[in-house]
């Protein structure tokens, strides 16, 4: 019987492969969060500053963690950027656990959005 970690890793590799086929290179977690941020904001510019990139990734983290109740969408500002409120504290995790936690929520995001 396959364990949960194997299934998780298989699903993660499948997502990476789909994204690689779509964009031509294998994305890391930060790149995937950036893509989710672009998707959620519709913020498309030729030049994106480092600060804007960080803002897009922050939107992505809030969005993906809202499915587990960590954040709640409060609304959008006049520029269309979503604003979230943290509703519960994040669990204490080491870096490996944090990455797995984010990856799990990224997978859920893509499953919920029929990617």
N, C-alpha and C. Protein backbone atom coordinates (compact mmCIF):
# COMPACT_ATOMS: atom_id res chain seq x y z
N UNK A 1 0.84 -1.20 0.00
CA UNK A 1 0.00 0.00 0.00
C UNK A 1 0.88 1.25 0.00
N UNK A 2 0.60 2.17 -0.89
CA UNK A 2 1.39 3.40 -0.98
C UNK A 2 1.09 4.29 0.23
N UNK A 3 2.11 4.96 0.70
CA UNK A 3 1.84 5.85 1.83
C UNK A 3 1.52 7.26 1.34
N UNK A 4 1.08 8.08 2.27
CA UNK A 4 0.63 9.44 1.95
C UNK A 4 1.77 10.26 1.36
N UNK A 5 2.99 10.09 1.88
CA UNK A 5 4.14 10.86 1.38
C UNK A 5 4.41 10.54 -0.08
N UNK A 6 4.30 9.26 -0.46
CA UNK A 6 4.52 8.88 -1.87
C UNK A 6 3.47 9.53 -2.76
N UNK A 7 2.21 9.49 -2.34
CA UNK A 7 1.12 10.09 -3.12
C UNK A 7 1.34 11.60 -3.25
N UNK A 8 1.71 12.24 -2.16
CA UNK A 8 1.98 13.68 -2.16
C UNK A 8 3.10 14.00 -3.15
N UNK A 9 4.20 13.24 -3.08
CA UNK A 9 5.34 13.50 -3.96
C UNK A 9 4.96 13.27 -5.42
N UNK A 10 4.20 12.22 -5.69
CA UNK A 10 3.75 11.93 -7.05
C UNK A 10 2.89 13.06 -7.58
N UNK A 11 1.97 13.56 -6.77
CA UNK A 11 1.10 14.67 -7.18
C UNK A 11 1.92 15.94 -7.41
N UNK A 12 2.92 16.18 -6.55
CA UNK A 12 3.78 17.37 -6.70
C UNK A 12 4.56 17.29 -8.00
N UNK A 13 5.15 16.11 -8.29
CA UNK A 13 5.92 15.95 -9.53
C UNK A 13 5.03 16.13 -10.75
N UNK A 14 3.79 15.65 -10.66
CA UNK A 14 2.85 15.79 -11.78
C UNK A 14 2.54 17.27 -12.03
N UNK A 15 2.36 18.04 -10.95
CA UNK A 15 2.10 19.48 -11.08
C UNK A 15 3.32 20.17 -11.69
N UNK A 16 4.51 19.85 -11.19
CA UNK A 16 5.74 20.44 -11.74
C UNK A 16 5.85 20.15 -13.24
N UNK A 17 5.54 18.92 -13.63
CA UNK A 17 5.65 18.54 -15.03
C UNK A 17 4.65 19.32 -15.89
N UNK A 18 3.41 19.47 -15.40
CA UNK A 18 2.41 20.25 -16.15
C UNK A 18 2.89 21.69 -16.33
N UNK A 19 3.40 22.28 -15.26
CA UNK A 19 3.87 23.66 -15.33
C UNK A 19 5.10 23.78 -16.23
N UNK A 20 5.98 22.79 -16.16
CA UNK A 20 7.17 22.79 -17.00
C UNK A 20 6.76 22.70 -18.48
N UNK A 21 5.79 21.86 -18.79
CA UNK A 21 5.32 21.73 -20.17
C UNK A 21 4.68 23.04 -20.65
N UNK A 22 4.02 23.73 -19.73
CA UNK A 22 3.33 24.98 -20.08
C UNK A 22 4.31 26.15 -20.24
N UNK A 23 5.30 26.24 -19.34
CA UNK A 23 6.20 27.40 -19.32
C UNK A 23 7.61 27.14 -19.84
N UNK A 24 7.94 25.87 -20.09
CA UNK A 24 9.23 25.56 -20.67
C UNK A 24 10.37 25.40 -19.70
N UNK A 25 10.12 25.58 -18.41
CA UNK A 25 11.15 25.29 -17.42
C UNK A 25 10.49 24.89 -16.10
N UNK A 26 11.23 24.13 -15.31
CA UNK A 26 10.69 23.61 -14.05
C UNK A 26 10.63 24.72 -13.01
N UNK A 27 9.44 25.01 -12.49
CA UNK A 27 9.30 26.09 -11.50
C UNK A 27 9.61 25.59 -10.08
N UNK A 28 10.17 26.48 -9.28
CA UNK A 28 10.32 26.16 -7.86
C UNK A 28 9.07 26.68 -7.12
N UNK A 29 9.03 26.47 -5.82
CA UNK A 29 7.85 26.86 -5.03
C UNK A 29 7.60 28.37 -5.16
N UNK A 30 8.67 29.17 -5.12
CA UNK A 30 8.50 30.62 -5.23
C UNK A 30 7.89 31.01 -6.58
N UNK A 31 8.35 30.37 -7.64
CA UNK A 31 7.81 30.68 -8.98
C UNK A 31 6.33 30.30 -9.05
N UNK A 32 5.98 29.18 -8.45
CA UNK A 32 4.57 28.75 -8.46
C UNK A 32 3.71 29.73 -7.66
N UNK A 33 4.23 30.17 -6.51
CA UNK A 33 3.49 31.17 -5.72
C UNK A 33 3.32 32.47 -6.53
N UNK A 34 4.37 32.86 -7.24
CA UNK A 34 4.31 34.05 -8.08
C UNK A 34 3.20 33.90 -9.13
N UNK A 35 3.14 32.73 -9.77
CA UNK A 35 2.09 32.46 -10.77
C UNK A 35 0.69 32.53 -10.16
N UNK A 36 0.54 31.96 -8.97
CA UNK A 36 -0.76 32.01 -8.29
C UNK A 36 -1.12 33.47 -7.98
N UNK A 37 -0.14 34.25 -7.54
CA UNK A 37 -0.37 35.67 -7.27
C UNK A 37 -0.83 36.41 -8.51
N UNK A 38 -0.18 36.12 -9.65
CA UNK A 38 -0.60 36.73 -10.91
C UNK A 38 -2.03 36.33 -11.26
N UNK A 39 -2.33 35.04 -11.07
CA UNK A 39 -3.67 34.52 -11.37
C UNK A 39 -4.72 35.21 -10.50
N UNK A 40 -4.42 35.38 -9.23
CA UNK A 40 -5.40 35.92 -8.29
C UNK A 40 -5.60 37.43 -8.42
N UNK A 41 -4.59 38.14 -8.91
CA UNK A 41 -4.69 39.60 -8.99
C UNK A 41 -4.97 40.10 -10.40
N UNK A 42 -4.61 39.29 -11.39
CA UNK A 42 -4.71 39.76 -12.77
C UNK A 42 -3.67 40.83 -13.07
N UNK A 43 -2.66 40.93 -12.20
CA UNK A 43 -1.61 41.96 -12.32
C UNK A 43 -0.61 41.52 -13.38
N UNK A 44 -0.77 42.02 -14.58
CA UNK A 44 0.13 41.67 -15.67
C UNK A 44 0.84 42.94 -16.14
N UNK A 45 2.14 42.96 -15.97
CA UNK A 45 2.97 44.09 -16.39
C UNK A 45 4.20 43.53 -17.09
N UNK A 46 4.79 44.34 -17.96
CA UNK A 46 6.03 43.91 -18.60
C UNK A 46 7.17 43.88 -17.60
N UNK A 47 7.23 44.89 -16.74
CA UNK A 47 8.26 44.96 -15.70
C UNK A 47 7.57 44.88 -14.34
N UNK A 48 8.02 43.95 -13.51
CA UNK A 48 7.47 43.80 -12.17
C UNK A 48 8.63 43.97 -11.19
N UNK A 49 8.46 44.91 -10.27
CA UNK A 49 9.52 45.18 -9.30
C UNK A 49 9.64 44.03 -8.30
N UNK A 50 10.75 44.02 -7.59
CA UNK A 50 10.97 43.00 -6.55
C UNK A 50 9.87 43.10 -5.49
N UNK A 51 9.50 44.32 -5.13
CA UNK A 51 8.45 44.53 -4.13
C UNK A 51 7.10 44.00 -4.63
N UNK A 52 6.79 44.28 -5.89
CA UNK A 52 5.52 43.78 -6.47
C UNK A 52 5.52 42.26 -6.51
N UNK A 53 6.69 41.67 -6.84
CA UNK A 53 6.80 40.21 -6.87
C UNK A 53 6.54 39.65 -5.48
N UNK A 54 7.10 40.28 -4.46
CA UNK A 54 6.87 39.85 -3.08
C UNK A 54 5.39 39.99 -2.70
N UNK A 55 4.77 41.09 -3.14
CA UNK A 55 3.34 41.30 -2.87
C UNK A 55 2.50 40.21 -3.53
N UNK A 56 2.85 39.86 -4.77
CA UNK A 56 2.12 38.81 -5.49
C UNK A 56 2.26 37.46 -4.78
N UNK A 57 3.46 37.17 -4.29
CA UNK A 57 3.68 35.92 -3.57
C UNK A 57 2.93 35.92 -2.24
N UNK A 58 2.85 37.08 -1.59
CA UNK A 58 2.09 37.20 -0.34
C UNK A 58 0.61 36.93 -0.60
N UNK A 59 0.07 37.49 -1.67
CA UNK A 59 -1.33 37.24 -2.04
C UNK A 59 -1.54 35.75 -2.25
N UNK A 60 -0.59 35.11 -2.94
CA UNK A 60 -0.69 33.68 -3.21
C UNK A 60 -0.71 32.86 -1.92
N UNK A 61 0.20 33.18 -1.00
CA UNK A 61 0.25 32.45 0.27
C UNK A 61 -1.07 32.61 1.03
N UNK A 62 -1.55 33.85 1.10
CA UNK A 62 -2.84 34.09 1.78
C UNK A 62 -3.96 33.31 1.11
N UNK A 63 -3.99 33.33 -0.22
CA UNK A 63 -5.03 32.64 -0.98
C UNK A 63 -4.99 31.14 -0.74
N UNK A 64 -3.81 30.53 -0.88
CA UNK A 64 -3.74 29.07 -0.73
C UNK A 64 -4.02 28.64 0.71
N UNK A 65 -3.62 29.46 1.69
CA UNK A 65 -3.85 29.09 3.09
C UNK A 65 -5.26 29.43 3.56
N UNK A 66 -5.99 30.21 2.76
CA UNK A 66 -7.38 30.52 3.12
C UNK A 66 -8.25 29.26 3.04
N UNK A 67 -7.83 28.28 2.21
CA UNK A 67 -8.60 27.04 2.10
C UNK A 67 -8.59 26.24 3.40
N UNK A 68 -7.59 26.49 4.25
CA UNK A 68 -7.52 25.83 5.56
C UNK A 68 -7.90 26.76 6.70
N UNK A 69 -8.44 27.93 6.35
CA UNK A 69 -8.93 28.84 7.38
C UNK A 69 -7.89 29.71 8.05
N UNK A 70 -6.68 29.79 7.51
CA UNK A 70 -5.65 30.64 8.11
C UNK A 70 -5.84 32.11 7.74
N UNK A 71 -6.43 32.34 6.56
CA UNK A 71 -6.69 33.71 6.10
C UNK A 71 -8.10 33.80 5.57
N UNK A 72 -8.65 35.01 5.64
CA UNK A 72 -9.98 35.28 5.13
C UNK A 72 -9.88 36.48 4.19
N UNK A 73 -10.45 36.34 3.00
CA UNK A 73 -10.46 37.46 2.05
C UNK A 73 -11.39 38.54 2.58
N UNK A 74 -10.84 39.73 2.81
CA UNK A 74 -11.66 40.85 3.30
C UNK A 74 -12.28 41.65 2.17
N UNK A 75 -11.63 41.62 1.01
CA UNK A 75 -12.12 42.38 -0.12
C UNK A 75 -10.97 42.80 -0.99
N UNK A 76 -11.27 43.62 -1.98
CA UNK A 76 -10.24 44.11 -2.88
C UNK A 76 -10.15 45.62 -2.78
N UNK A 77 -8.93 46.14 -3.00
CA UNK A 77 -8.77 47.60 -2.98
C UNK A 77 -9.14 48.19 -4.34
N UNK A 78 -8.95 49.51 -4.46
CA UNK A 78 -9.37 50.20 -5.69
C UNK A 78 -8.59 49.74 -6.92
N UNK A 79 -7.41 49.15 -6.70
CA UNK A 79 -6.61 48.63 -7.82
C UNK A 79 -6.91 47.16 -8.11
N UNK A 80 -7.84 46.58 -7.34
CA UNK A 80 -8.22 45.19 -7.57
C UNK A 80 -7.38 44.15 -6.83
N UNK A 81 -6.49 44.62 -5.95
CA UNK A 81 -5.66 43.68 -5.19
C UNK A 81 -6.46 43.13 -4.01
N UNK A 82 -6.44 41.81 -3.84
CA UNK A 82 -7.16 41.22 -2.70
C UNK A 82 -6.44 41.52 -1.39
N UNK A 83 -7.24 41.69 -0.34
CA UNK A 83 -6.68 41.90 1.00
C UNK A 83 -7.24 40.83 1.92
N UNK A 84 -6.33 40.20 2.66
CA UNK A 84 -6.68 39.09 3.53
C UNK A 84 -6.42 39.46 4.98
N UNK A 85 -7.18 38.82 5.86
CA UNK A 85 -6.98 38.96 7.30
C UNK A 85 -6.57 37.59 7.83
N UNK A 86 -5.51 37.55 8.64
CA UNK A 86 -5.12 36.28 9.24
C UNK A 86 -6.13 35.92 10.32
N UNK A 87 -6.66 34.70 10.27
CA UNK A 87 -7.71 34.30 11.20
C UNK A 87 -7.24 33.32 12.26
N UNK A 88 -6.12 32.65 12.01
CA UNK A 88 -5.53 31.79 13.04
C UNK A 88 -4.03 31.71 12.82
N UNK A 89 -3.32 31.40 13.90
CA UNK A 89 -1.86 31.33 13.84
C UNK A 89 -1.40 30.10 13.07
N UNK A 90 -0.28 30.27 12.39
CA UNK A 90 0.32 29.16 11.66
C UNK A 90 0.92 28.19 12.67
N UNK A 91 0.89 26.90 12.35
CA UNK A 91 1.55 25.93 13.23
C UNK A 91 3.06 26.16 13.21
N UNK A 92 3.72 25.83 14.30
CA UNK A 92 5.18 25.95 14.37
C UNK A 92 5.77 24.78 13.59
N UNK A 93 6.62 25.12 12.60
CA UNK A 93 7.20 24.09 11.75
C UNK A 93 8.64 24.44 11.42
N UNK A 94 9.44 23.41 11.13
CA UNK A 94 10.78 23.68 10.62
C UNK A 94 10.67 23.95 9.11
N UNK A 95 11.80 24.26 8.48
CA UNK A 95 11.76 24.65 7.06
C UNK A 95 11.22 23.54 6.15
N UNK A 96 11.61 22.31 6.42
CA UNK A 96 11.15 21.17 5.60
C UNK A 96 9.62 21.04 5.72
N UNK A 97 9.13 21.13 6.95
CA UNK A 97 7.68 21.02 7.19
C UNK A 97 6.94 22.20 6.55
N UNK A 98 7.53 23.41 6.63
CA UNK A 98 6.90 24.58 6.02
C UNK A 98 6.76 24.40 4.51
N UNK A 99 7.81 23.88 3.88
CA UNK A 99 7.75 23.68 2.43
C UNK A 99 6.68 22.65 2.07
N UNK A 100 6.61 21.56 2.82
CA UNK A 100 5.60 20.52 2.56
C UNK A 100 4.20 21.08 2.77
N UNK A 101 4.04 21.91 3.81
CA UNK A 101 2.76 22.55 4.12
C UNK A 101 2.32 23.43 2.96
N UNK A 102 3.25 24.25 2.45
CA UNK A 102 2.95 25.12 1.30
C UNK A 102 2.64 24.30 0.05
N UNK A 103 3.46 23.29 -0.21
CA UNK A 103 3.25 22.45 -1.40
C UNK A 103 1.88 21.78 -1.35
N UNK A 104 1.49 21.30 -0.17
CA UNK A 104 0.19 20.65 -0.01
C UNK A 104 -0.94 21.63 -0.35
N UNK A 105 -0.81 22.86 0.11
CA UNK A 105 -1.83 23.88 -0.18
C UNK A 105 -1.79 24.32 -1.65
N UNK A 106 -0.60 24.33 -2.25
CA UNK A 106 -0.49 24.65 -3.67
C UNK A 106 -1.21 23.57 -4.49
N UNK A 107 -0.99 22.31 -4.15
CA UNK A 107 -1.67 21.21 -4.85
C UNK A 107 -3.19 21.35 -4.73
N UNK A 108 -3.65 21.67 -3.53
CA UNK A 108 -5.08 21.85 -3.31
C UNK A 108 -5.62 23.01 -4.16
N UNK A 109 -4.86 24.09 -4.23
CA UNK A 109 -5.26 25.24 -5.05
C UNK A 109 -5.45 24.82 -6.50
N UNK A 110 -4.46 24.11 -7.05
CA UNK A 110 -4.54 23.71 -8.46
C UNK A 110 -5.66 22.69 -8.69
N UNK A 111 -5.89 21.80 -7.72
CA UNK A 111 -6.99 20.84 -7.84
C UNK A 111 -8.33 21.58 -7.82
N UNK A 112 -8.45 22.55 -6.93
CA UNK A 112 -9.70 23.32 -6.83
C UNK A 112 -9.96 24.20 -8.04
N UNK A 113 -8.88 24.54 -8.75
CA UNK A 113 -9.02 25.40 -9.94
C UNK A 113 -8.89 24.61 -11.24
N UNK A 114 -9.07 23.30 -11.16
CA UNK A 114 -9.07 22.40 -12.32
C UNK A 114 -7.90 22.63 -13.27
N UNK A 115 -6.69 22.70 -12.71
CA UNK A 115 -5.53 22.88 -13.59
C UNK A 115 -5.11 21.53 -14.14
